[in-house]
Protein backbone atom coordinates (compact mmCIF):
# COMPACT_ATOMS: atom_id res chain seq x y z
CA MET A 1 -14.54 -16.88 -2.40
CA GLY A 2 -12.75 -17.62 0.84
CA ALA A 3 -12.45 -16.83 4.53
CA THR A 4 -9.46 -15.26 6.20
CA SER A 5 -8.18 -14.80 9.73
CA ALA A 6 -5.65 -12.10 8.85
CA GLY A 7 -7.16 -8.80 9.87
CA PHE A 8 -5.78 -5.30 10.03
CA ASP A 9 -6.80 -3.10 12.93
CA PRO A 10 -4.96 0.27 12.96
CA GLN A 11 -5.53 0.71 16.71
CA ARG A 12 -3.97 -2.69 17.55
CA ALA A 13 -1.27 -2.77 14.88
CA VAL A 14 2.31 -1.83 15.64
CA ASN A 15 4.18 -0.03 12.85
CA GLY A 16 1.48 -0.94 10.31
CA SER A 17 1.85 -4.71 10.73
CA PHE A 18 -0.92 -7.29 10.45
CA VAL A 19 -2.63 -8.77 13.49
CA THR A 20 -3.66 -12.41 13.06
CA ASP A 21 -6.64 -13.65 15.05
CA VAL A 22 -7.58 -17.30 15.61
CA LYS A 23 -11.12 -16.92 14.23
CA PRO A 24 -12.10 -15.87 10.70
CA THR A 25 -12.57 -12.13 10.37
CA GLY A 26 -14.58 -12.20 7.19
CA VAL A 27 -15.31 -13.51 3.74
CA TYR A 28 -13.54 -12.17 0.68
CA ALA A 29 -14.08 -12.45 -3.07
CA ALA A 30 -11.10 -12.52 -5.40
CA LEU A 31 -10.08 -12.89 -9.03
CA ALA A 32 -7.10 -15.05 -9.92
CA ALA A 33 -4.88 -15.04 -13.00
CA ARG A 34 -2.68 -18.09 -13.54
CA PRO A 35 -1.35 -17.95 -17.12
CA LEU A 36 0.91 -21.01 -16.81
CA ARG A 37 -1.58 -23.72 -15.86
CA PHE A 38 -1.15 -27.42 -16.60
CA PHE A 39 -3.41 -30.46 -16.18
CA LEU A 40 -1.53 -33.64 -15.34
CA SER A 41 -3.19 -37.01 -14.71
CA GLY A 42 -5.19 -36.27 -11.55
CA PHE A 43 -3.26 -33.10 -10.68
CA THR A 44 -3.24 -29.45 -11.65
CA ALA A 45 -0.17 -27.26 -11.50
CA SER A 46 0.23 -23.55 -12.07
CA ALA A 47 3.17 -21.18 -11.96
CA VAL A 48 3.38 -17.42 -11.61
CA GLY A 49 -0.11 -16.55 -10.40
CA LEU A 50 -1.67 -13.34 -9.10
CA THR A 51 -4.81 -13.10 -6.98
CA SER A 52 -6.50 -9.84 -6.01
CA GLY A 53 -9.64 -9.43 -3.92
CA THR A 54 -11.55 -7.52 -1.27
CA MET A 55 -13.76 -8.22 1.73
CA VAL A 56 -17.40 -8.90 0.81
CA GLY A 57 -18.87 -7.03 3.80
CA HIS A 58 -16.76 -3.89 3.28
CA PRO A 59 -15.65 -3.68 -0.38
CA GLY A 60 -12.46 -1.66 -0.85
CA ARG A 61 -11.75 -1.26 2.86
CA GLN A 62 -9.30 -4.17 2.98
CA LEU A 63 -7.62 -5.50 -0.14
CA ARG A 64 -5.97 -8.88 -0.57
CA LEU A 65 -3.06 -9.39 -2.95
CA GLN A 66 -1.50 -12.83 -3.29
CA ILE A 67 1.49 -13.65 -5.47
CA GLU A 68 1.97 -17.34 -6.27
CA LEU A 69 5.14 -18.95 -7.55
CA ILE A 70 3.95 -22.57 -7.74
CA GLN A 71 0.59 -24.14 -6.87
CA ILE A 72 -0.21 -27.86 -7.07
CA GLY A 73 -3.73 -29.28 -6.61
CA ILE A 74 -5.65 -32.54 -6.87
CA VAL A 75 -8.46 -32.97 -9.40
CA LEU A 76 -11.58 -34.52 -7.83
């Protein structure tokens, strides 16, 4: 689950580009696959990840695809 400020409005977009607003445009739900994931003392690291999701309010209308090369996080 997350919130995003990247919205796509065909009437405002030029040549099919994204229009970024300063306020969140909605909440999305996504599934992530990170096959190369490691737990290090107090940190997590993953390489080659793929995340795919859609907006909760309008499923299928806007899709989110995120390709990750490296992600590092802190374990709380």
